[in-house]
Full PDB file with SEQRES, HELIX, SHEET, SSBOND, CRYST1, ORIGX, SCALE, CONECT and MASTER records, all heavy atoms in Angstrom:
SEQRES   1 A   39  GLN LEU MET THR ASP GLY GLU HIS PRO GLU LEU ASP PHE          
SEQRES   2 A   39  ASP PRO LEU ASP PRO THR LYS LEU TRP PRO PRO GLU GLN          
SEQRES   3 A   39  PHE PRO PHE LEU PRO ILE GLY LYS MET THR LEU ASN ARG          
CRYST1    1.000    1.000    1.000  90.00  90.00  90.00 P 1           1          
ORIGX1      1.000000  0.000000  0.000000        0.00000                         
ORIGX2      0.000000  1.000000  0.000000        0.00000                         
ORIGX3      0.000000  0.000000  1.000000        0.00000                         
SCALE1      1.000000  0.000000  0.000000        0.00000                         
SCALE2      0.000000  1.000000  0.000000        0.00000                         
SCALE3      0.000000  0.000000  1.000000        0.00000                         
ATOM      1  N   GLN A   1       3.719   1.332   0.053  1.00  0.00           N  
ATOM      2  CA  GLN A   1       3.092   0.618   1.170  1.00  0.00           C  
ATOM      3  C   GLN A   1       3.392  -0.855   1.003  1.00  0.00           C  
ATOM      4  O   GLN A   1       3.269  -1.309  -0.122  1.00  0.00           O  
ATOM      5  CB  GLN A   1       1.527   0.782   1.141  1.00  0.00           C  
ATOM      6  CG  GLN A   1       1.114   2.230   1.527  1.00  0.00           C  
ATOM      7  CD  GLN A   1      -0.365   2.394   1.570  1.00  0.00           C  
ATOM      8  OE1 GLN A   1      -0.964   2.436   0.424  1.00  0.00           O  
ATOM      9  NE2 GLN A   1      -0.981   2.395   2.643  1.00  0.00           N  
ATOM     10  N   LEU A   2       3.809  -1.484   2.109  1.00  0.00           N  
ATOM     11  CA  LEU A   2       4.239  -2.920   2.006  1.00  0.00           C  
ATOM     12  C   LEU A   2       3.354  -3.777   2.872  1.00  0.00           C  
ATOM     13  O   LEU A   2       2.961  -3.293   3.949  1.00  0.00           O  
ATOM     14  CB  LEU A   2       5.684  -3.051   2.383  1.00  0.00           C  
ATOM     15  CG  LEU A   2       6.732  -2.380   1.498  1.00  0.00           C  
ATOM     16  CD1 LEU A   2       8.109  -2.503   2.131  1.00  0.00           C  
ATOM     17  CD2 LEU A   2       6.762  -3.052   0.125  1.00  0.00           C  
ATOM     18  N   MET A   3       3.088  -4.943   2.348  1.00  0.00           N  
ATOM     19  CA  MET A   3       2.209  -5.945   3.132  1.00  0.00           C  
ATOM     20  C   MET A   3       2.786  -7.310   2.803  1.00  0.00           C  
ATOM     21  O   MET A   3       3.176  -7.603   1.707  1.00  0.00           O  
ATOM     22  CB  MET A   3       0.794  -5.794   2.744  1.00  0.00           C  
ATOM     23  CG  MET A   3      -0.264  -6.622   3.502  1.00  0.00           C  
ATOM     24  SD  MET A   3      -1.859  -6.624   2.852  1.00  0.00           S  
ATOM     25  CE  MET A   3      -2.296  -4.878   2.878  1.00  0.00           C  
ATOM     26  N   THR A   4       2.871  -8.180   3.840  1.00  0.00           N  
ATOM     27  CA  THR A   4       3.265  -9.559   3.515  1.00  0.00           C  
ATOM     28  C   THR A   4       2.354 -10.211   2.461  1.00  0.00           C  
ATOM     29  O   THR A   4       1.149  -9.951   2.444  1.00  0.00           O  
ATOM     30  CB  THR A   4       3.296 -10.333   4.833  1.00  0.00           C  
ATOM     31  OG1 THR A   4       2.028 -10.406   5.473  1.00  0.00           O  
ATOM     32  CG2 THR A   4       4.337  -9.882   5.823  1.00  0.00           C  
ATOM     33  N   ASP A   5       2.932 -11.058   1.724  1.00  0.00           N  
ATOM     34  CA  ASP A   5       2.228 -11.705   0.617  1.00  0.00           C  
ATOM     35  C   ASP A   5       1.225 -12.710   1.239  1.00  0.00           C  
ATOM     36  O   ASP A   5       1.713 -13.572   1.975  1.00  0.00           O  
ATOM     37  CB  ASP A   5       3.246 -12.379  -0.359  1.00  0.00           C  
ATOM     38  CG  ASP A   5       2.597 -12.973  -1.604  1.00  0.00           C  
ATOM     39  OD1 ASP A   5       1.397 -12.445  -1.877  1.00  0.00           O  
ATOM     40  OD2 ASP A   5       3.136 -13.720  -2.304  1.00  0.00           O  
ATOM     41  N   GLY A   6      -0.033 -12.625   0.925  1.00  0.00           N  
ATOM     42  CA  GLY A   6      -0.988 -13.511   1.488  1.00  0.00           C  
ATOM     43  C   GLY A   6      -2.428 -12.878   1.370  1.00  0.00           C  
ATOM     44  O   GLY A   6      -2.591 -11.724   0.889  1.00  0.00           O  
ATOM     45  N   GLU A   7      -3.388 -13.610   1.863  1.00  0.00           N  
ATOM     46  CA  GLU A   7      -4.862 -13.162   1.693  1.00  0.00           C  
ATOM     47  C   GLU A   7      -5.236 -12.185   2.793  1.00  0.00           C  
ATOM     48  O   GLU A   7      -6.249 -11.460   2.687  1.00  0.00           O  
ATOM     49  CB  GLU A   7      -5.745 -14.415   1.723  1.00  0.00           C  
ATOM     50  CG  GLU A   7      -5.502 -15.324   0.559  1.00  0.00           C  
ATOM     51  CD  GLU A   7      -6.533 -16.446   0.595  1.00  0.00           C  
ATOM     52  OE1 GLU A   7      -7.506 -16.408   1.226  1.00  0.00           O  
ATOM     53  OE2 GLU A   7      -6.309 -17.532  -0.130  1.00  0.00           O  
ATOM     54  N   HIS A   8      -4.536 -12.152   3.948  1.00  0.00           N  
ATOM     55  CA  HIS A   8      -4.808 -11.292   5.170  1.00  0.00           C  
ATOM     56  C   HIS A   8      -6.309 -11.307   5.484  1.00  0.00           C  
ATOM     57  O   HIS A   8      -7.038 -10.357   5.335  1.00  0.00           O  
ATOM     58  CB  HIS A   8      -4.355  -9.925   4.784  1.00  0.00           C  
ATOM     59  CG  HIS A   8      -2.892  -9.696   4.804  1.00  0.00           C  
ATOM     60  ND1 HIS A   8      -2.254  -9.453   5.807  1.00  0.00           N  
ATOM     61  CD2 HIS A   8      -1.986  -9.887   3.753  1.00  0.00           C  
ATOM     62  CE1 HIS A   8      -0.859  -9.416   5.498  1.00  0.00           C  
ATOM     63  NE2 HIS A   8      -0.741  -9.630   4.253  1.00  0.00           N  
ATOM     64  N   PRO A   9      -6.822 -12.472   6.029  1.00  0.00           N  
ATOM     65  CA  PRO A   9      -8.203 -12.616   6.445  1.00  0.00           C  
ATOM     66  C   PRO A   9      -8.599 -11.661   7.535  1.00  0.00           C  
ATOM     67  O   PRO A   9      -9.767 -11.398   7.832  1.00  0.00           O  
ATOM     68  CB  PRO A   9      -8.305 -14.051   6.975  1.00  0.00           C  
ATOM     69  CG  PRO A   9      -6.933 -14.483   7.176  1.00  0.00           C  
ATOM     70  CD  PRO A   9      -5.950 -13.714   6.262  1.00  0.00           C  
ATOM     71  N   GLU A  10      -7.551 -11.029   8.212  1.00  0.00           N  
ATOM     72  CA  GLU A  10      -7.822 -10.063   9.326  1.00  0.00           C  
ATOM     73  C   GLU A  10      -8.361  -8.785   8.844  1.00  0.00           C  
ATOM     74  O   GLU A  10      -8.985  -7.987   9.557  1.00  0.00           O  
ATOM     75  CB  GLU A  10      -6.631  -9.835  10.232  1.00  0.00           C  
ATOM     76  CG  GLU A  10      -5.542  -8.989   9.608  1.00  0.00           C  
ATOM     77  CD  GLU A  10      -4.683  -9.618   8.547  1.00  0.00           C  
ATOM     78  OE1 GLU A  10      -4.909 -10.749   8.286  1.00  0.00           O  
ATOM     79  OE2 GLU A  10      -3.742  -8.978   8.100  1.00  0.00           O  
ATOM     80  N   LEU A  11      -8.143  -8.492   7.607  1.00  0.00           N  
ATOM     81  CA  LEU A  11      -8.659  -7.311   6.979  1.00  0.00           C  
ATOM     82  C   LEU A  11     -10.099  -7.474   6.467  1.00  0.00           C  
ATOM     83  O   LEU A  11     -10.480  -8.549   6.134  1.00  0.00           O  
ATOM     84  CB  LEU A  11      -7.853  -6.841   5.814  1.00  0.00           C  
ATOM     85  CG  LEU A  11      -6.296  -6.531   6.142  1.00  0.00           C  
ATOM     86  CD1 LEU A  11      -5.525  -6.308   4.805  1.00  0.00           C  
ATOM     87  CD2 LEU A  11      -6.206  -5.388   7.036  1.00  0.00           C  
ATOM     88  N   ASP A  12     -10.891  -6.408   6.459  1.00  0.00           N  
ATOM     89  CA  ASP A  12     -12.252  -6.433   5.894  1.00  0.00           C  
ATOM     90  C   ASP A  12     -12.296  -6.136   4.485  1.00  0.00           C  
ATOM     91  O   ASP A  12     -13.437  -6.036   3.873  1.00  0.00           O  
ATOM     92  CB  ASP A  12     -13.165  -5.482   6.631  1.00  0.00           C  
ATOM     93  CG  ASP A  12     -12.784  -4.035   6.552  1.00  0.00           C  
ATOM     94  OD1 ASP A  12     -11.871  -3.728   5.733  1.00  0.00           O  
ATOM     95  OD2 ASP A  12     -13.404  -3.221   7.187  1.00  0.00           O  
ATOM     96  N   PHE A  13     -11.269  -6.222   3.809  1.00  0.00           N  
ATOM     97  CA  PHE A  13     -11.192  -6.198   2.231  1.00  0.00           C  
ATOM     98  C   PHE A  13     -10.043  -7.026   1.814  1.00  0.00           C  
ATOM     99  O   PHE A  13      -9.211  -7.431   2.606  1.00  0.00           O  
ATOM    100  CB  PHE A  13     -10.931  -4.669   1.827  1.00  0.00           C  
ATOM    101  CG  PHE A  13      -9.611  -4.140   2.326  1.00  0.00           C  
ATOM    102  CD1 PHE A  13      -8.573  -4.154   1.396  1.00  0.00           C  
ATOM    103  CD2 PHE A  13      -9.471  -3.500   3.522  1.00  0.00           C  
ATOM    104  CE1 PHE A  13      -7.350  -3.621   1.807  1.00  0.00           C  
ATOM    105  CE2 PHE A  13      -8.251  -2.979   3.830  1.00  0.00           C  
ATOM    106  CZ  PHE A  13      -7.182  -3.031   3.065  1.00  0.00           C  
ATOM    107  N   ASP A  14     -10.069  -7.360   0.553  1.00  0.00           N  
ATOM    108  CA  ASP A  14      -8.954  -8.133  -0.019  1.00  0.00           C  
ATOM    109  C   ASP A  14      -7.874  -7.152  -0.487  1.00  0.00           C  
ATOM    110  O   ASP A  14      -8.145  -6.166  -1.218  1.00  0.00           O  
ATOM    111  CB  ASP A  14      -9.520  -8.873  -1.284  1.00  0.00           C  
ATOM    112  CG  ASP A  14      -8.512  -9.864  -1.839  1.00  0.00           C  
ATOM    113  OD1 ASP A  14      -7.325  -9.501  -1.961  1.00  0.00           O  
ATOM    114  OD2 ASP A  14      -8.984 -10.991  -2.188  1.00  0.00           O  
ATOM    115  N   PRO A  15      -6.579  -7.389  -0.086  1.00  0.00           N  
ATOM    116  CA  PRO A  15      -5.555  -6.387  -0.376  1.00  0.00           C  
ATOM    117  C   PRO A  15      -5.260  -6.228  -1.914  1.00  0.00           C  
ATOM    118  O   PRO A  15      -4.589  -5.294  -2.281  1.00  0.00           O  
ATOM    119  CB  PRO A  15      -4.358  -6.899   0.338  1.00  0.00           C  
ATOM    120  CG  PRO A  15      -4.679  -8.308   0.661  1.00  0.00           C  
ATOM    121  CD  PRO A  15      -6.095  -8.466   0.784  1.00  0.00           C  
ATOM    122  N   LEU A  16      -5.771  -7.188  -2.705  1.00  0.00           N  
ATOM    123  CA  LEU A  16      -5.553  -7.144  -4.131  1.00  0.00           C  
ATOM    124  C   LEU A  16      -6.722  -6.383  -4.874  1.00  0.00           C  
ATOM    125  O   LEU A  16      -6.674  -6.140  -6.067  1.00  0.00           O  
ATOM    126  CB  LEU A  16      -5.443  -8.535  -4.764  1.00  0.00           C  
ATOM    127  CG  LEU A  16      -4.469  -9.444  -4.194  1.00  0.00           C  
ATOM    128  CD1 LEU A  16      -4.458 -10.854  -4.989  1.00  0.00           C  
ATOM    129  CD2 LEU A  16      -3.056  -8.909  -4.311  1.00  0.00           C  
ATOM    130  N   ASP A  17      -7.670  -5.844  -4.122  1.00  0.00           N  
ATOM    131  CA  ASP A  17      -8.862  -5.226  -4.717  1.00  0.00           C  
ATOM    132  C   ASP A  17      -8.521  -3.759  -4.980  1.00  0.00           C  
ATOM    133  O   ASP A  17      -8.273  -2.978  -4.113  1.00  0.00           O  
ATOM    134  CB  ASP A  17      -9.963  -5.250  -3.606  1.00  0.00           C  
ATOM    135  CG  ASP A  17     -11.317  -4.667  -4.185  1.00  0.00           C  
ATOM    136  OD1 ASP A  17     -11.285  -4.005  -5.218  1.00  0.00           O  
ATOM    137  OD2 ASP A  17     -12.336  -4.779  -3.493  1.00  0.00           O  
ATOM    138  N   PRO A  18      -8.553  -3.398  -6.299  1.00  0.00           N  
ATOM    139  CA  PRO A  18      -8.086  -2.040  -6.712  1.00  0.00           C  
ATOM    140  C   PRO A  18      -9.105  -0.995  -6.355  1.00  0.00           C  
ATOM    141  O   PRO A  18      -8.864   0.255  -6.575  1.00  0.00           O  
ATOM    142  CB  PRO A  18      -7.836  -2.153  -8.212  1.00  0.00           C  
ATOM    143  CG  PRO A  18      -8.792  -3.248  -8.652  1.00  0.00           C  
ATOM    144  CD  PRO A  18      -8.767  -4.230  -7.460  1.00  0.00           C  
ATOM    145  N   THR A  19     -10.335  -1.287  -5.839  1.00  0.00           N  
ATOM    146  CA  THR A  19     -11.249  -0.307  -5.417  1.00  0.00           C  
ATOM    147  C   THR A  19     -11.084   0.138  -3.966  1.00  0.00           C  
ATOM    148  O   THR A  19     -11.819   0.822  -3.414  1.00  0.00           O  
ATOM    149  CB  THR A  19     -12.724  -0.851  -5.603  1.00  0.00           C  
ATOM    150  OG1 THR A  19     -12.972  -1.879  -4.611  1.00  0.00           O  
ATOM    151  CG2 THR A  19     -12.986  -1.407  -6.965  1.00  0.00           C  
ATOM    152  N   LYS A  20     -10.006  -0.456  -3.328  1.00  0.00           N  
ATOM    153  CA  LYS A  20      -9.679  -0.202  -1.928  1.00  0.00           C  
ATOM    154  C   LYS A  20      -8.393   0.473  -1.660  1.00  0.00           C  
ATOM    155  O   LYS A  20      -7.487   0.359  -2.358  1.00  0.00           O  
ATOM    156  CB  LYS A  20      -9.736  -1.470  -1.117  1.00  0.00           C  
ATOM    157  CG  LYS A  20     -11.030  -2.326  -1.218  1.00  0.00           C  
ATOM    158  CD  LYS A  20     -12.192  -1.605  -0.646  1.00  0.00           C  
ATOM    159  CE  LYS A  20     -13.394  -2.532  -0.609  1.00  0.00           C  
ATOM    160  NZ  LYS A  20     -13.967  -2.806  -1.953  1.00  0.00           N  
ATOM    161  N   LEU A  21      -8.453   1.332  -0.628  1.00  0.00           N  
ATOM    162  CA  LEU A  21      -7.156   1.916  -0.082  1.00  0.00           C  
ATOM    163  C   LEU A  21      -6.600   1.078   1.022  1.00  0.00           C  
ATOM    164  O   LEU A  21      -7.344   0.423   1.748  1.00  0.00           O  
ATOM    165  CB  LEU A  21      -7.434   3.318   0.502  1.00  0.00           C  
ATOM    166  CG  LEU A  21      -7.986   4.390  -0.370  1.00  0.00           C  
ATOM    167  CD1 LEU A  21      -8.390   5.624   0.362  1.00  0.00           C  
ATOM    168  CD2 LEU A  21      -6.909   4.796  -1.418  1.00  0.00           C  
ATOM    169  N   TRP A  22      -5.331   0.931   1.141  1.00  0.00           N  
ATOM    170  CA  TRP A  22      -4.647   0.363   2.257  1.00  0.00           C  
ATOM    171  C   TRP A  22      -4.556   1.344   3.375  1.00  0.00           C  
ATOM    172  O   TRP A  22      -3.955   2.371   3.119  1.00  0.00           O  
ATOM    173  CB  TRP A  22      -3.247  -0.225   1.949  1.00  0.00           C  
ATOM    174  CG  TRP A  22      -3.200  -1.403   1.028  1.00  0.00           C  
ATOM    175  CD1 TRP A  22      -4.287  -1.934   0.391  1.00  0.00           C  
ATOM    176  CD2 TRP A  22      -2.144  -2.119   0.587  1.00  0.00           C  
ATOM    177  NE1 TRP A  22      -3.809  -3.088  -0.293  1.00  0.00           N  
ATOM    178  CE2 TRP A  22      -2.439  -3.164  -0.263  1.00  0.00           C  
ATOM    179  CE3 TRP A  22      -0.731  -1.945   0.974  1.00  0.00           C  
ATOM    180  CZ2 TRP A  22      -1.589  -4.040  -0.790  1.00  0.00           C  
ATOM    181  CZ3 TRP A  22       0.179  -2.915   0.398  1.00  0.00           C  
ATOM    182  CH2 TRP A  22      -0.210  -3.903  -0.491  1.00  0.00           C  
ATOM    183  N   PRO A  23      -5.170   1.230   4.561  1.00  0.00           N  
ATOM    184  CA  PRO A  23      -5.080   2.241   5.517  1.00  0.00           C  
ATOM    185  C   PRO A  23      -3.755   2.508   5.952  1.00  0.00           C  
ATOM    186  O   PRO A  23      -2.893   1.661   6.348  1.00  0.00           O  
ATOM    187  CB  PRO A  23      -5.832   1.539   6.780  1.00  0.00           C  
ATOM    188  CG  PRO A  23      -6.701   0.457   6.132  1.00  0.00           C  
ATOM    189  CD  PRO A  23      -5.929  -0.058   4.902  1.00  0.00           C  
ATOM    190  N   PRO A  24      -3.288   3.871   5.806  1.00  0.00           N  
ATOM    191  CA  PRO A  24      -1.890   4.201   6.082  1.00  0.00           C  
ATOM    192  C   PRO A  24      -1.460   3.989   7.525  1.00  0.00           C  
ATOM    193  O   PRO A  24      -0.319   3.904   7.830  1.00  0.00           O  
ATOM    194  CB  PRO A  24      -1.841   5.653   5.593  1.00  0.00           C  
ATOM    195  CG  PRO A  24      -3.238   6.126   5.563  1.00  0.00           C  
ATOM    196  CD  PRO A  24      -4.059   5.001   5.306  1.00  0.00           C  
ATOM    197  N   GLU A  25      -2.414   4.026   8.472  1.00  0.00           N  
ATOM    198  CA  GLU A  25      -2.019   3.776   9.837  1.00  0.00           C  
ATOM    199  C   GLU A  25      -1.574   2.356  10.087  1.00  0.00           C  
ATOM    200  O   GLU A  25      -0.844   2.109  10.983  1.00  0.00           O  
ATOM    201  CB  GLU A  25      -3.207   4.184  10.753  1.00  0.00           C  
ATOM    202  CG  GLU A  25      -4.530   3.401  10.606  1.00  0.00           C  
ATOM    203  CD  GLU A  25      -5.447   3.965   9.535  1.00  0.00           C  
ATOM    204  OE1 GLU A  25      -4.956   4.829   8.709  1.00  0.00           O  
ATOM    205  OE2 GLU A  25      -6.620   3.510   9.468  1.00  0.00           O  
ATOM    206  N   GLN A  26      -2.023   1.489   9.213  1.00  0.00           N  
ATOM    207  CA  GLN A  26      -1.595  -0.006   9.241  1.00  0.00           C  
ATOM    208  C   GLN A  26      -0.371  -0.187   8.378  1.00  0.00           C  
ATOM    209  O   GLN A  26       0.481  -1.032   8.745  1.00  0.00           O  
ATOM    210  CB  GLN A  26      -2.716  -0.906   8.916  1.00  0.00           C  
ATOM    211  CG  GLN A  26      -3.918  -0.950  10.020  1.00  0.00           C  
ATOM    212  CD  GLN A  26      -5.033  -1.826   9.492  1.00  0.00           C  
ATOM    213  OE1 GLN A  26      -5.997  -1.324   8.903  1.00  0.00           O  
ATOM    214  NE2 GLN A  26      -4.919  -3.171   9.673  1.00  0.00           N  
ATOM    215  N   PHE A  27      -0.453   0.406   7.179  1.00  0.00           N  
ATOM    216  CA  PHE A  27       0.522   0.205   6.203  1.00  0.00           C  
ATOM    217  C   PHE A  27       1.058   1.538   5.846  1.00  0.00           C  
ATOM    218  O   PHE A  27       0.636   2.197   4.837  1.00  0.00           O  
ATOM    219  CB  PHE A  27      -0.072  -0.583   4.961  1.00  0.00           C  
ATOM    220  CG  PHE A  27      -0.853  -1.786   5.398  1.00  0.00           C  
ATOM    221  CD1 PHE A  27      -2.216  -1.798   5.499  1.00  0.00           C  
ATOM    222  CD2 PHE A  27      -0.083  -2.890   5.707  1.00  0.00           C  
ATOM    223  CE1 PHE A  27      -2.855  -2.926   5.837  1.00  0.00           C  
ATOM    224  CE2 PHE A  27      -0.775  -4.128   6.043  1.00  0.00           C  
ATOM    225  CZ  PHE A  27      -2.152  -4.079   6.155  1.00  0.00           C  
ATOM    226  N   PRO A  28       2.052   2.089   6.534  1.00  0.00           N  
ATOM    227  CA  PRO A  28       2.548   3.426   6.398  1.00  0.00           C  
ATOM    228  C   PRO A  28       3.236   3.636   4.990  1.00  0.00           C  
ATOM    229  O   PRO A  28       3.774   2.697   4.433  1.00  0.00           O  
ATOM    230  CB  PRO A  28       3.534   3.638   7.545  1.00  0.00           C  
ATOM    231  CG  PRO A  28       3.966   2.263   7.869  1.00  0.00           C  
ATOM    232  CD  PRO A  28       2.801   1.400   7.633  1.00  0.00           C  
ATOM    233  N   PHE A  29       3.226   4.953   4.583  1.00  0.00           N  
ATOM    234  CA  PHE A  29       3.933   5.378   3.361  1.00  0.00           C  
ATOM    235  C   PHE A  29       5.420   5.354   3.673  1.00  0.00           C  
ATOM    236  O   PHE A  29       5.870   6.132   4.508  1.00  0.00           O  
ATOM    237  CB  PHE A  29       3.453   6.682   2.863  1.00  0.00           C  
ATOM    238  CG  PHE A  29       2.094   6.657   2.143  1.00  0.00           C  
ATOM    239  CD1 PHE A  29       1.105   5.828   2.535  1.00  0.00           C  
ATOM    240  CD2 PHE A  29       1.914   7.508   1.064  1.00  0.00           C  
ATOM    241  CE1 PHE A  29      -0.076   5.802   1.827  1.00  0.00           C  
ATOM    242  CE2 PHE A  29       0.688   7.463   0.307  1.00  0.00           C  
ATOM    243  CZ  PHE A  29      -0.292   6.604   0.792  1.00  0.00           C  
ATOM    244  N   LEU A  30       6.164   4.621   2.979  1.00  0.00           N  
ATOM    245  CA  LEU A  30       7.605   4.490   3.145  1.00  0.00           C  
ATOM    246  C   LEU A  30       8.327   5.181   1.986  1.00  0.00           C  
ATOM    247  O   LEU A  30       8.253   4.719   0.839  1.00  0.00           O  
ATOM    248  CB  LEU A  30       8.153   3.104   3.328  1.00  0.00           C  
ATOM    249  CG  LEU A  30       7.424   2.217   4.377  1.00  0.00           C  
ATOM    250  CD1 LEU A  30       7.920   0.810   4.289  1.00  0.00           C  
ATOM    251  CD2 LEU A  30       7.631   2.779   5.762  1.00  0.00           C  
ATOM    252  N   PRO A  31       9.087   6.308   2.160  1.00  0.00           N  
ATOM    253  CA  PRO A  31       9.731   6.989   1.039  1.00  0.00           C  
ATOM    254  C   PRO A  31      10.765   6.066   0.512  1.00  0.00           C  
ATOM    255  O   PRO A  31      11.627   5.561   1.244  1.00  0.00           O  
ATOM    256  CB  PRO A  31      10.302   8.275   1.656  1.00  0.00           C  
ATOM    257  CG  PRO A  31       9.493   8.390   2.995  1.00  0.00           C  
ATOM    258  CD  PRO A  31       9.228   7.114   3.382  1.00  0.00           C  
ATOM    259  N   ILE A  32      10.969   5.989  -0.873  1.00  0.00           N  
ATOM    260  CA  ILE A  32      12.063   5.204  -1.472  1.00  0.00           C  
ATOM    261  C   ILE A  32      12.875   5.992  -2.488  1.00  0.00           C  
ATOM    262  O   ILE A  32      13.884   5.553  -2.931  1.00  0.00           O  
ATOM    263  CB  ILE A  32      11.505   3.936  -2.118  1.00  0.00           C  
ATOM    264  CG1 ILE A  32      10.705   4.229  -3.349  1.00  0.00           C  
ATOM    265  CG2 ILE A  32      10.855   3.022  -1.081  1.00  0.00           C  
ATOM    266  CD1 ILE A  32      10.348   2.969  -4.193  1.00  0.00           C  
ATOM    267  N   GLY A  33      12.394   7.271  -2.791  1.00  0.00           N  
ATOM    268  CA  GLY A  33      13.175   7.983  -3.814  1.00  0.00           C  
ATOM    269  C   GLY A  33      12.393   9.261  -4.191  1.00  0.00           C  
ATOM    270  O   GLY A  33      11.295   9.485  -3.768  1.00  0.00           O  
ATOM    271  N   LYS A  34      13.084  10.062  -4.942  1.00  0.00           N  
ATOM    272  CA  LYS A  34      12.533  11.374  -5.370  1.00  0.00           C  
ATOM    273  C   LYS A  34      12.618  11.457  -6.940  1.00  0.00           C  
ATOM    274  O   LYS A  34      13.646  11.147  -7.613  1.00  0.00           O  
ATOM    275  CB  LYS A  34      13.291  12.553  -4.750  1.00  0.00           C  
ATOM    276  CG  LYS A  34      12.752  13.931  -5.117  1.00  0.00           C  
ATOM    277  CD  LYS A  34      13.460  14.969  -4.348  1.00  0.00           C  
ATOM    278  CE  LYS A  34      14.780  15.337  -5.035  1.00  0.00           C  
ATOM    279  NZ  LYS A  34      15.372  16.536  -4.403  1.00  0.00           N  
ATOM    280  N   MET A  35      11.537  11.908  -7.560  1.00  0.00           N  
ATOM    281  CA  MET A  35      11.589  12.141  -8.990  1.00  0.00           C  
ATOM    282  C   MET A  35      11.491  13.605  -9.327  1.00  0.00           C  
ATOM    283  O   MET A  35      10.593  14.401  -8.691  1.00  0.00           O  
ATOM    284  CB  MET A  35      10.293  11.415  -9.678  1.00  0.00           C  
ATOM    285  CG  MET A  35      10.263  11.541 -11.124  1.00  0.00           C  
ATOM    286  SD  MET A  35       8.997  10.594 -11.910  1.00  0.00           S  
ATOM    287  CE  MET A  35       7.507  11.590 -11.407  1.00  0.00           C  
ATOM    288  N   THR A  36      12.267  14.139 -10.247  1.00  0.00           N  
ATOM    289  CA  THR A  36      12.288  15.513 -10.641  1.00  0.00           C  
ATOM    290  C   THR A  36      12.148  15.575 -12.150  1.00  0.00           C  
ATOM    291  O   THR A  36      12.887  14.889 -12.866  1.00  0.00           O  
ATOM    292  CB  THR A  36      13.625  16.193 -10.262  1.00  0.00           C  
ATOM    293  OG1 THR A  36      13.867  16.015  -8.813  1.00  0.00           O  
ATOM    294  CG2 THR A  36      13.607  17.661 -10.535  1.00  0.00           C  
ATOM    295  N   LEU A  37      11.242  16.374 -12.598  1.00  0.00           N  
ATOM    296  CA  LEU A  37      11.105  16.574 -14.056  1.00  0.00           C  
ATOM    297  C   LEU A  37      11.750  17.919 -14.349  1.00  0.00           C  
ATOM    298  O   LEU A  37      11.483  18.998 -13.909  1.00  0.00           O  
ATOM    299  CB  LEU A  37       9.593  16.646 -14.407  1.00  0.00           C  
ATOM    300  CG  LEU A  37       8.831  15.363 -14.119  1.00  0.00           C  
ATOM    301  CD1 LEU A  37       7.387  15.468 -14.604  1.00  0.00           C  
ATOM    302  CD2 LEU A  37       9.487  14.134 -14.745  1.00  0.00           C  
ATOM    303  N   ASN A  38      12.793  17.744 -15.384  1.00  0.00           N  
ATOM    304  CA  ASN A  38      13.626  18.967 -15.620  1.00  0.00           C  
ATOM    305  C   ASN A  38      13.913  19.212 -17.100  1.00  0.00           C  
ATOM    306  O   ASN A  38      14.709  20.081 -17.419  1.00  0.00           O  
ATOM    307  CB  ASN A  38      14.954  18.713 -14.893  1.00  0.00           C  
ATOM    308  CG  ASN A  38      15.664  17.462 -15.317  1.00  0.00           C  
ATOM    309  OD1 ASN A  38      15.301  16.912 -16.340  1.00  0.00           O  
ATOM    310  ND2 ASN A  38      16.638  16.939 -14.452  1.00  0.00           N  
ATOM    311  N   ARG A  39      13.132  18.600 -17.962  1.00  0.00           N  
ATOM    312  CA  ARG A  39      13.361  18.797 -19.402  1.00  0.00           C  
ATOM    313  C   ARG A  39      12.162  18.577 -20.161  1.00  0.00           C  
ATOM    314  O   ARG A  39      11.517  17.514 -20.080  1.00  0.00           O  
ATOM    315  CB  ARG A  39      14.519  17.891 -19.900  1.00  0.00           C  
ATOM    316  CG  ARG A  39      14.813  18.146 -21.391  1.00  0.00           C  
ATOM    317  CD  ARG A  39      16.263  17.543 -21.773  1.00  0.00           C  
ATOM    318  NE  ARG A  39      16.141  16.060 -21.623  1.00  0.00           N  
ATOM    319  CZ  ARG A  39      15.851  15.235 -22.605  1.00  0.00           C  
ATOM    320  NH1 ARG A  39      15.370  15.701 -23.761  1.00  0.00           N  
ATOM    321  NH2 ARG A  39      15.864  13.946 -22.377  1.00  0.00           N  
TER     322      ARG A  39                                                      
MASTER        0    0    0    0    0    0    0    6  321    1    0    3          
END                                                                             
């Protein structure tokens, strides 16, 4: 999930807060690769 660097006062939470989820409808999951465990 990507967000521009900043405080984002429009959100009702701080994007740096690890107790919070970023809403996927605002910040969609973008696939970047696949991991396979094979050994």
